[in-house]
């Protein structure tokens, strides 16, 4: 449990209120949220099990938690069909769709940086072998 009146909590609230980048990272940051958003961007509306199967390594508990947070933040819409057995689908809201250019830029930047880092590691191995 977190103390709402703590200095740390007040500092976090101030940063989120005054810094767009910090707020953005608080909404879409983490290991799984960008992957969930990107999967829904690429596939459109998906049933829960389709979404779970399409994201390797995510646990059911984590997927549910991340979907709830994305729904609370207005990026994902949960659609429940009154059927037996129940059917639940997820799709991006207009705010969720608007993340596409940002996610693509982040992906491009990450791919570029990863390649650069791999080249540095390969170069350092060649130097240490020589």
C-alpha atoms as a PDB file:
ATOM      1  CA  UNK A   1       0.000   0.000   0.000  1.00  0.00           C
ATOM      2  CA  UNK A   2       1.259   3.439  -0.895  1.00  0.00           C
ATOM      3  CA  UNK A   3       1.037   6.559   1.208  1.00  0.00           C
ATOM      4  CA  UNK A   4      -0.766   9.201  -0.861  1.00  0.00           C
ATOM      5  CA  UNK A   5       0.673  12.030   1.264  1.00  0.00           C
ATOM      6  CA  UNK A   6       4.287  10.897   0.936  1.00  0.00           C
ATOM      7  CA  UNK A   7       6.845  13.132  -0.737  1.00  0.00           C
ATOM      8  CA  UNK A   8       7.355  10.496  -3.404  1.00  0.00           C
ATOM      9  CA  UNK A   9       3.626  10.341  -4.230  1.00  0.00           C
ATOM     10  CA  UNK A  10       3.380  14.150  -4.371  1.00  0.00           C
ATOM     11  CA  UNK A  11       6.448  14.358  -6.628  1.00  0.00           C
ATOM     12  CA  UNK A  12       5.007  11.713  -8.952  1.00  0.00           C
ATOM     13  CA  UNK A  13       1.672  13.528  -9.142  1.00  0.00           C
ATOM     14  CA  UNK A  14       3.455  16.814  -9.934  1.00  0.00           C
ATOM     15  CA  UNK A  15       5.525  15.216 -12.676  1.00  0.00           C
ATOM     16  CA  UNK A  16       2.492  13.511 -14.237  1.00  0.00           C
ATOM     17  CA  UNK A  17       0.533  16.763 -14.097  1.00  0.00           C
ATOM     18  CA  UNK A  18       3.293  18.885 -15.644  1.00  0.00           C
ATOM     19  CA  UNK A  19       5.180  16.610 -18.029  1.00  0.00           C
ATOM     20  CA  UNK A  20       3.480  15.110 -21.062  1.00  0.00           C
ATOM     21  CA  UNK A  21       6.238  12.572 -21.608  1.00  0.00           C
ATOM     22  CA  UNK A  22       6.036  11.280 -18.037  1.00  0.00           C
ATOM     23  CA  UNK A  23       2.265  10.991 -18.320  1.00  0.00           C
ATOM     24  CA  UNK A  24       2.554   9.146 -21.637  1.00  0.00           C
ATOM     25  CA  UNK A  25       5.044   6.674 -20.206  1.00  0.00           C
ATOM     26  CA  UNK A  26       2.820   6.104 -17.173  1.00  0.00           C
ATOM     27  CA  UNK A  27      -0.072   5.189 -19.496  1.00  0.00           C
ATOM     28  CA  UNK A  28       1.698   3.069 -22.134  1.00  0.00           C
ATOM     29  CA  UNK A  29       4.907   2.116 -20.329  1.00  0.00           C
ATOM     30  CA  UNK A  30       5.925  -1.310 -19.178  1.00  0.00           C
ATOM     31  CA  UNK A  31       6.731  -4.602 -20.802  1.00  0.00           C
ATOM     32  CA  UNK A  32       3.308  -5.544 -22.155  1.00  0.00           C
ATOM     33  CA  UNK A  33       1.211  -2.452 -22.862  1.00  0.00           C
ATOM     34  CA  UNK A  34       3.014  -1.434 -26.075  1.00  0.00           C
ATOM     35  CA  UNK A  35       2.759  -5.024 -27.326  1.00  0.00           C
ATOM     36  CA  UNK A  36      -0.963  -5.175 -26.553  1.00  0.00           C
ATOM     37  CA  UNK A  37      -1.566  -1.837 -28.281  1.00  0.00           C
ATOM     38  CA  UNK A  38       0.512  -2.820 -31.297  1.00  0.00           C
ATOM     39  CA  UNK A  39      -1.274  -6.175 -31.585  1.00  0.00           C
ATOM     40  CA  UNK A  40      -4.676  -4.480 -31.543  1.00  0.00           C
ATOM     41  CA  UNK A  41      -3.446  -1.857 -34.025  1.00  0.00           C
ATOM     42  CA  UNK A  42      -2.410  -4.598 -36.444  1.00  0.00           C
ATOM     43  CA  UNK A  43      -5.400  -6.900 -35.969  1.00  0.00           C
ATOM     44  CA  UNK A  44      -8.317  -4.667 -35.045  1.00  0.00           C
ATOM     45  CA  UNK A  45     -10.982  -6.067 -32.736  1.00  0.00           C
ATOM     46  CA  UNK A  46      -9.887  -9.325 -31.123  1.00  0.00           C
ATOM     47  CA  UNK A  47     -11.433 -11.870 -28.834  1.00  0.00           C
ATOM     48  CA  UNK A  48      -9.638 -12.273 -25.515  1.00  0.00           C
ATOM     49  CA  UNK A  49      -8.204 -15.714 -26.346  1.00  0.00           C
ATOM     50  CA  UNK A  50      -6.990 -14.546 -29.773  1.00  0.00           C
ATOM     51  CA  UNK A  51      -5.190 -11.674 -28.112  1.00  0.00           C
ATOM     52  CA  UNK A  52      -3.672 -13.941 -25.450  1.00  0.00           C
ATOM     53  CA  UNK A  53      -2.423 -16.443 -28.043  1.00  0.00           C
ATOM     54  CA  UNK A  54      -0.929 -13.702 -30.197  1.00  0.00           C
ATOM     55  CA  UNK A  55       1.323 -12.336 -27.417  1.00  0.00           C
ATOM     56  CA  UNK A  56       4.031 -14.843 -26.565  1.00  0.00           C
ATOM     57  CA  UNK A  57       5.078 -15.061 -22.941  1.00  0.00           C
ATOM     58  CA  UNK A  58       2.301 -13.041 -21.316  1.00  0.00           C
ATOM     59  CA  UNK A  59       0.443 -14.705 -18.478  1.00  0.00           C
ATOM     60  CA  UNK A  60      -3.326 -14.624 -18.306  1.00  0.00           C
ATOM     61  CA  UNK A  61      -3.192 -12.653 -15.074  1.00  0.00           C
ATOM     62  CA  UNK A  62      -0.847 -10.048 -16.563  1.00  0.00           C
ATOM     63  CA  UNK A  63      -2.921  -9.683 -19.731  1.00  0.00           C
ATOM     64  CA  UNK A  64      -6.095  -9.102 -17.711  1.00  0.00           C
ATOM     65  CA  UNK A  65      -4.352  -6.533 -15.491  1.00  0.00           C
ATOM     66  CA  UNK A  66      -2.821  -4.654 -18.421  1.00  0.00           C
ATOM     67  CA  UNK A  67      -6.091  -4.657 -20.389  1.00  0.00           C
ATOM     68  CA  UNK A  68      -7.908  -3.240 -17.346  1.00  0.00           C
ATOM     69  CA  UNK A  69      -5.348  -0.437 -17.010  1.00  0.00           C
ATOM     70  CA  UNK A  70      -5.527   0.354 -20.732  1.00  0.00           C
ATOM     71  CA  UNK A  71      -9.316   0.384 -20.482  1.00  0.00           C
ATOM     72  CA  UNK A  72      -9.219   2.710 -17.439  1.00  0.00           C
ATOM     73  CA  UNK A  73      -6.904   5.054 -19.353  1.00  0.00           C
ATOM     74  CA  UNK A  74      -9.301   5.123 -22.302  1.00  0.00           C
ATOM     75  CA  UNK A  75      -7.069   3.384 -24.851  1.00  0.00           C
ATOM     76  CA  UNK A  76      -8.894   0.047 -25.089  1.00  0.00           C
ATOM     77  CA  UNK A  77     -12.602  -0.715 -25.223  1.00  0.00           C
ATOM     78  CA  UNK A  78     -13.970  -3.961 -23.793  1.00  0.00           C
ATOM     79  CA  UNK A  79     -17.016  -5.343 -25.578  1.00  0.00           C
ATOM     80  CA  UNK A  80     -19.078  -7.954 -23.737  1.00  0.00           C
ATOM     81  CA  UNK A  81     -21.644  -9.978 -25.670  1.00  0.00           C
ATOM     82  CA  UNK A  82     -24.568 -11.357 -23.632  1.00  0.00           C
ATOM     83  CA  UNK A  83     -24.180 -14.926 -24.864  1.00  0.00           C
ATOM     84  CA  UNK A  84     -23.610 -18.323 -23.352  1.00  0.00           C
ATOM     85  CA  UNK A  85     -20.706 -18.934 -23.174  1.00  0.00           C
ATOM     86  CA  UNK A  86     -19.769 -15.266 -22.689  1.00  0.00           C
ATOM     87  CA  UNK A  87     -17.783 -13.617 -25.465  1.00  0.00           C
ATOM     88  CA  UNK A  88     -15.472 -10.674 -24.782  1.00  0.00           C
ATOM     89  CA  UNK A  89     -13.647  -8.669 -27.422  1.00  0.00           C
ATOM     90  CA  UNK A  90     -11.188  -5.823 -27.198  1.00  0.00           C
ATOM     91  CA  UNK A  91     -10.543  -2.984 -29.600  1.00  0.00           C
ATOM     92  CA  UNK A  92      -8.721   0.297 -29.539  1.00  0.00           C
ATOM     93  CA  UNK A  93     -10.570   3.522 -28.868  1.00  0.00           C
ATOM     94  CA  UNK A  94      -9.756   6.605 -30.961  1.00  0.00           C
ATOM     95  CA  UNK A  95      -7.207   7.546 -28.274  1.00  0.00           C
ATOM     96  CA  UNK A  96      -5.669   4.070 -28.582  1.00  0.00           C
ATOM     97  CA  UNK A  97      -5.500   4.358 -32.362  1.00  0.00           C
ATOM     98  CA  UNK A  98      -3.785   7.726 -31.981  1.00  0.00           C
ATOM     99  CA  UNK A  99      -0.802   5.978 -30.328  1.00  0.00           C
ATOM    100  CA  UNK A 100       0.216   4.388 -33.654  1.00  0.00           C
ATOM    101  CA  UNK A 101       2.678   7.065 -34.881  1.00  0.00           C
ATOM    102  CA  UNK A 102       4.309   7.230 -31.449  1.00  0.00           C
ATOM    103  CA  UNK A 103       4.586   3.436 -31.153  1.00  0.00           C
ATOM    104  CA  UNK A 104       6.044   3.209 -34.667  1.00  0.00           C
ATOM    105  CA  UNK A 105       8.662   5.869 -33.842  1.00  0.00           C
ATOM    106  CA  UNK A 106       9.532   4.081 -30.610  1.00  0.00           C
ATOM    107  CA  UNK A 107       9.837   0.790 -32.480  1.00  0.00           C
ATOM    108  CA  UNK A 108      12.046   2.317 -35.167  1.00  0.00           C
ATOM    109  CA  UNK A 109      14.253   3.986 -32.565  1.00  0.00           C
ATOM    110  CA  UNK A 110      14.555   0.770 -30.544  1.00  0.00           C
ATOM    111  CA  UNK A 111      15.407  -1.323 -33.600  1.00  0.00           C
ATOM    112  CA  UNK A 112      18.077   1.179 -34.652  1.00  0.00           C
ATOM    113  CA  UNK A 113      19.595   1.319 -31.160  1.00  0.00           C
ATOM    114  CA  UNK A 114      19.549  -2.467 -30.803  1.00  0.00           C
ATOM    115  CA  UNK A 115      21.411  -2.873 -34.101  1.00  0.00           C
ATOM    116  CA  UNK A 116      23.964  -0.248 -33.058  1.00  0.00           C
ATOM    117  CA  UNK A 117      24.513  -2.001 -29.725  1.00  0.00           C
ATOM    118  CA  UNK A 118      24.926  -5.385 -31.443  1.00  0.00           C
ATOM    119  CA  UNK A 119      27.532  -3.856 -33.768  1.00  0.00           C
ATOM    120  CA  UNK A 120      29.423  -2.430 -30.800  1.00  0.00           C
ATOM    121  CA  UNK A 121      29.402  -5.812 -29.052  1.00  0.00           C
ATOM    122  CA  UNK A 122      30.592  -7.557 -32.241  1.00  0.00           C
ATOM    123  CA  UNK A 123      33.362  -4.965 -32.705  1.00  0.00           C
ATOM    124  CA  UNK A 124      34.539  -5.318 -29.103  1.00  0.00           C
ATOM    125  CA  UNK A 125      34.659  -9.104 -29.489  1.00  0.00           C
ATOM    126  CA  UNK A 126      36.795  -8.765 -32.614  1.00  0.00           C
ATOM    127  CA  UNK A 127      39.184  -6.426 -30.812  1.00  0.00           C
ATOM    128  CA  UNK A 128      39.507  -8.688 -27.748  1.00  0.00           C
ATOM    129  CA  UNK A 129      40.130 -11.766 -29.935  1.00  0.00           C
ATOM    130  CA  UNK A 130      42.898 -10.032 -31.920  1.00  0.00           C
END
